[in-house]
Amino acid sequence: MGTMKAVITNPLEKTEKYKAATAVTQQAKEGLATTRRQARADGTVTAAERDKINQGKAGVRTARRNQKSIKGKFKDKRANVVEFDTQWMWDKVKEILSPEHPLNQAWDLMHQSNQQLNTLLDGTNQIAEGAANNQALLQQDAMRMSLLLGAPLPDKAADHVLIGGDRSEMDPRDRGRRSLRIDQTPTPSLAI
C-alpha cells in the first residue's frame, strides 16, 4: 500500500473569482491614477479630462462593489463563514454608531442636559462667589466702623455673677463655714 501525503492548504487562499475581481479593481485604480497624473502634468484640467477622471472614479466604485458582492471570497468554507459573520458584526457596529440610532440620540440628549446643568452650576457658583465677596466687603466695612467708633462700653449684664447672698452685706468678721454659705433664692417650683 502506498502512503498518503497530507495536502496542507492555506484556509485564507482567495478564490479565482475573487482574485479576478481584485485584479479588475486594481486596474481601475491604476487607470484613474494615470489619468490624474496626466491631467496634473500641464497644470490645467480640461472638461474632457475632468469627465475622464469622473468615469475612472465610477469605474473604481463599480469594481469595488463587484469585488465585495462575491459570496465565496475564500476557498475554505469555514473562512467564508467567519468572513460573513465578521462582516455582519461590522455592519451592526456601523448601524449602532450611526447618528440616527436611538442610543446615540439618547446620548446626545443626555449630553445636552449635562451641558445645561453645568451652565446652571457655573451660574450658581458665580452667585456664591459674589455673595462671598460681598460678605468680605461687609466685614471690612464693619472693621472700619469699629476702628472709627472705638470699643463699645461694657454692658451691665457683663458683670460677674454673684452666687448666693450679697457679699457686701456680710460682716467682715464672719469667717469660716458661715462665709462659704450659698443662699438659696426663692424660685417657683415646676409643677409636673
Protein backbone atom coordinates (compact mmCIF):
# COMPACT_ATOMS: atom_id res chain seq x y z
CA MET A 1 0.00 0.00 0.00
CA GLY A 2 1.11 3.47 -0.79
CA THR A 3 1.37 6.18 1.78
CA MET A 4 -0.92 9.13 1.54
CA LYS A 5 0.57 12.57 1.58
CA ALA A 6 -1.16 15.27 3.51
CA VAL A 7 -2.05 18.30 1.48
CA ILE A 8 -1.89 21.46 3.52
CA THR A 9 -3.75 24.37 2.05
CA ASN A 10 -3.99 27.93 3.21
CA PRO A 11 -7.54 28.43 4.53
CA LEU A 12 -7.33 32.11 3.62
CA GLU A 13 -6.43 31.47 -0.01
CA LYS A 14 -8.74 33.52 -2.24
CA THR A 15 -10.95 32.02 -4.93
CA GLU A 16 -10.19 32.63 -8.59
CA LYS A 17 -13.34 34.69 -8.98
CA TYR A 18 -12.30 36.97 -6.12
CA LYS A 19 -8.74 37.25 -7.44
CA ALA A 20 -10.10 38.30 -10.84
CA ALA A 21 -12.37 40.92 -9.24
CA THR A 22 -9.42 42.23 -7.20
CA ALA A 23 -7.33 42.49 -10.39
CA VAL A 24 -10.11 44.47 -12.10
CA THR A 25 -10.32 46.83 -9.10
CA GLN A 26 -6.54 47.31 -9.13
CA GLN A 27 -6.56 48.06 -12.88
CA ALA A 28 -9.34 50.62 -12.40
CA LYS A 29 -7.34 52.31 -9.60
CA GLU A 30 -4.18 52.40 -11.71
CA GLY A 31 -6.09 53.82 -14.69
CA LEU A 32 -7.58 56.56 -12.50
CA ALA A 33 -4.15 57.40 -11.05
CA THR A 34 -2.66 57.62 -14.57
CA THR A 35 -5.48 59.88 -15.73
CA ARG A 36 -4.97 62.17 -12.74
CA ARG A 37 -1.20 62.32 -13.32
CA GLN A 38 -1.71 63.23 -16.97
CA ALA A 39 -4.27 65.88 -16.05
CA ARG A 40 -1.93 67.46 -13.49
CA ALA A 41 1.16 67.34 -15.68
CA ASP A 42 0.36 70.56 -17.51
CA GLY A 43 -1.47 72.16 -14.55
CA THR A 44 -4.79 72.74 -16.32
CA VAL A 45 -7.67 70.32 -16.33
CA THR A 46 -9.95 70.42 -19.35
CA ALA A 47 -13.58 69.38 -19.29
CA ALA A 48 -12.73 66.18 -21.20
CA GLU A 49 -10.03 65.26 -18.65
CA ARG A 50 -12.45 66.01 -15.80
CA ASP A 51 -15.04 63.72 -17.40
CA LYS A 52 -12.39 61.01 -17.82
CA ILE A 53 -11.44 61.32 -14.13
CA ASN A 54 -15.11 61.07 -13.08
CA GLN A 55 -15.53 57.99 -15.29
CA GLY A 56 -12.42 56.47 -13.69
CA LYS A 57 -13.86 57.11 -10.20
CA ALA A 58 -17.14 55.48 -11.21
CA GLY A 59 -15.22 52.51 -12.62
CA VAL A 60 -13.31 52.06 -9.35
CA ARG A 61 -16.56 52.22 -7.35
CA THR A 62 -18.19 49.62 -9.60
CA ALA A 63 -15.16 47.33 -9.42
CA ARG A 64 -15.10 47.55 -5.61
CA ARG A 65 -18.83 46.86 -5.43
CA ASN A 66 -18.41 43.79 -7.65
CA GLN A 67 -15.47 42.61 -5.56
CA LYS A 68 -17.46 42.93 -2.32
CA SER A 69 -20.53 41.20 -3.77
CA ILE A 70 -18.68 37.90 -4.34
CA LYS A 71 -20.06 35.41 -1.82
CA GLY A 72 -17.19 32.91 -1.67
CA LYS A 73 -14.15 35.06 -1.04
CA PHE A 74 -12.02 32.19 0.33
CA LYS A 75 -11.56 28.60 -0.89
CA ASP A 76 -12.14 27.28 2.63
CA LYS A 77 -15.86 27.34 3.50
CA ARG A 78 -15.17 27.92 7.19
CA ALA A 79 -13.17 31.03 6.36
CA ASN A 80 -16.12 32.27 4.31
CA VAL A 81 -18.43 31.73 7.30
CA VAL A 82 -16.05 33.68 9.54
CA GLU A 83 -15.81 36.44 6.92
CA PHE A 84 -19.61 36.61 6.63
CA ASP A 85 -20.06 36.72 10.42
CA THR A 86 -17.37 39.37 10.76
CA GLN A 87 -18.99 41.48 8.05
CA TRP A 88 -22.41 41.05 9.70
CA MET A 89 -21.00 42.19 13.08
CA TRP A 90 -19.23 45.14 11.45
CA ASP A 91 -22.49 46.19 9.77
CA LYS A 92 -24.25 46.03 13.16
CA VAL A 93 -21.49 48.12 14.76
CA LYS A 94 -21.77 50.72 11.98
CA GLU A 95 -25.54 50.77 12.49
CA ILE A 96 -25.12 51.38 16.23
CA LEU A 97 -22.54 54.10 15.62
CA SER A 98 -24.72 55.97 13.14
CA PRO A 99 -26.18 59.26 14.41
CA GLU A 100 -29.74 58.10 13.64
CA HIS A 101 -29.54 55.20 16.12
CA PRO A 102 -31.82 55.74 19.16
CA LEU A 103 -28.99 55.11 21.63
CA ASN A 104 -26.92 57.86 20.05
CA GLN A 105 -29.88 60.23 20.07
CA ALA A 106 -30.46 59.47 23.75
CA TRP A 107 -26.76 60.04 24.40
CA ASP A 108 -26.94 63.39 22.63
CA LEU A 109 -29.95 64.43 24.73
CA MET A 110 -28.15 63.40 27.92
CA HIS A 111 -25.04 65.30 26.84
CA GLN A 112 -27.12 68.45 26.14
CA SER A 113 -28.85 68.22 29.54
CA ASN A 114 -25.46 67.78 31.24
CA GLN A 115 -24.19 70.90 29.48
CA GLN A 116 -27.25 72.85 30.64
CA LEU A 117 -26.75 71.57 34.18
CA ASN A 118 -23.08 72.60 34.09
CA THR A 119 -24.13 76.04 32.86
CA LEU A 120 -26.57 76.37 35.79
CA LEU A 121 -23.91 75.20 38.25
CA ASP A 122 -21.46 77.74 36.87
CA GLY A 123 -24.07 80.48 37.34
CA THR A 124 -24.73 79.31 40.90
CA ASN A 125 -21.01 79.29 41.65
CA GLN A 126 -20.69 82.86 40.34
CA ILE A 127 -23.57 83.98 42.56
CA ALA A 128 -21.98 82.26 45.57
CA GLU A 129 -18.63 83.90 44.82
CA GLY A 130 -20.37 87.28 44.56
CA ALA A 131 -22.09 86.71 47.91
CA ALA A 132 -18.79 85.69 49.50
CA ASN A 133 -17.12 88.80 48.09
CA ASN A 134 -19.99 90.92 49.45
CA GLN A 135 -19.61 89.25 52.86
CA ALA A 136 -15.90 90.07 52.83
CA LEU A 137 -16.73 93.69 51.92
CA LEU A 138 -19.28 93.86 54.75
CA GLN A 139 -16.71 92.56 57.23
CA GLN A 140 -14.17 95.14 56.04
CA ASP A 141 -16.75 97.92 56.45
CA ALA A 142 -17.60 96.69 59.94
CA MET A 143 -13.90 96.66 60.82
CA ARG A 144 -13.50 100.26 59.61
CA MET A 145 -16.56 101.40 61.58
CA SER A 146 -15.35 99.70 64.76
CA LEU A 147 -11.98 101.42 64.39
CA LEU A 148 -13.72 104.79 63.97
CA LEU A 149 -16.13 104.34 66.87
CA GLY A 150 -13.79 102.55 69.23
CA ALA A 151 -14.55 99.69 71.56
CA PRO A 152 -18.09 99.54 72.95
CA LEU A 153 -18.76 100.30 76.59
CA PRO A 154 -19.05 97.28 78.84
CA ASP A 155 -22.59 96.13 79.36
CA LYS A 156 -24.10 95.93 82.86
CA ALA A 157 -25.12 92.36 82.20
CA ALA A 158 -21.48 91.51 81.58
CA ASP A 159 -20.56 91.89 85.29
CA HIS A 160 -19.61 88.80 87.19
CA VAL A 161 -22.40 86.71 88.58
CA LEU A 162 -22.82 86.66 92.33
CA ILE A 163 -23.79 83.28 93.64
CA GLY A 164 -25.58 83.16 96.93
CA GLY A 165 -26.25 86.16 99.11
CA ASP A 166 -24.93 89.66 98.64
CA ARG A 167 -21.37 89.55 99.98
CA SER A 168 -21.34 93.25 100.72
CA GLU A 169 -23.91 92.72 103.45
CA MET A 170 -21.77 90.16 105.22
CA ASP A 171 -19.94 91.11 108.29
CA PRO A 172 -16.23 91.09 107.56
CA ARG A 173 -15.67 89.32 110.85
CA ASP A 174 -17.67 86.30 109.69
CA ARG A 175 -15.16 83.75 108.69
CA GLY A 176 -15.17 80.02 108.39
CA ARG A 177 -18.19 77.98 107.46
CA ARG A 178 -20.56 80.88 107.52
CA SER A 179 -18.59 82.80 104.89
CA LEU A 180 -18.87 79.88 102.50
CA ARG A 181 -22.65 79.85 102.69
CA ILE A 182 -24.61 79.94 99.38
CA ASP A 183 -28.05 81.37 99.90
CA GLN A 184 -30.95 79.91 98.07
CA THR A 185 -33.18 82.33 96.29
CA PRO A 186 -36.85 81.60 96.21
CA THR A 187 -37.66 80.16 92.76
CA PRO A 188 -41.02 78.96 91.66
CA SER A 189 -41.15 75.18 91.66
CA LEU A 190 -42.10 73.48 88.47
CA ALA A 191 -45.30 71.52 88.67
CA ILE A 192 -45.34 68.44 86.53
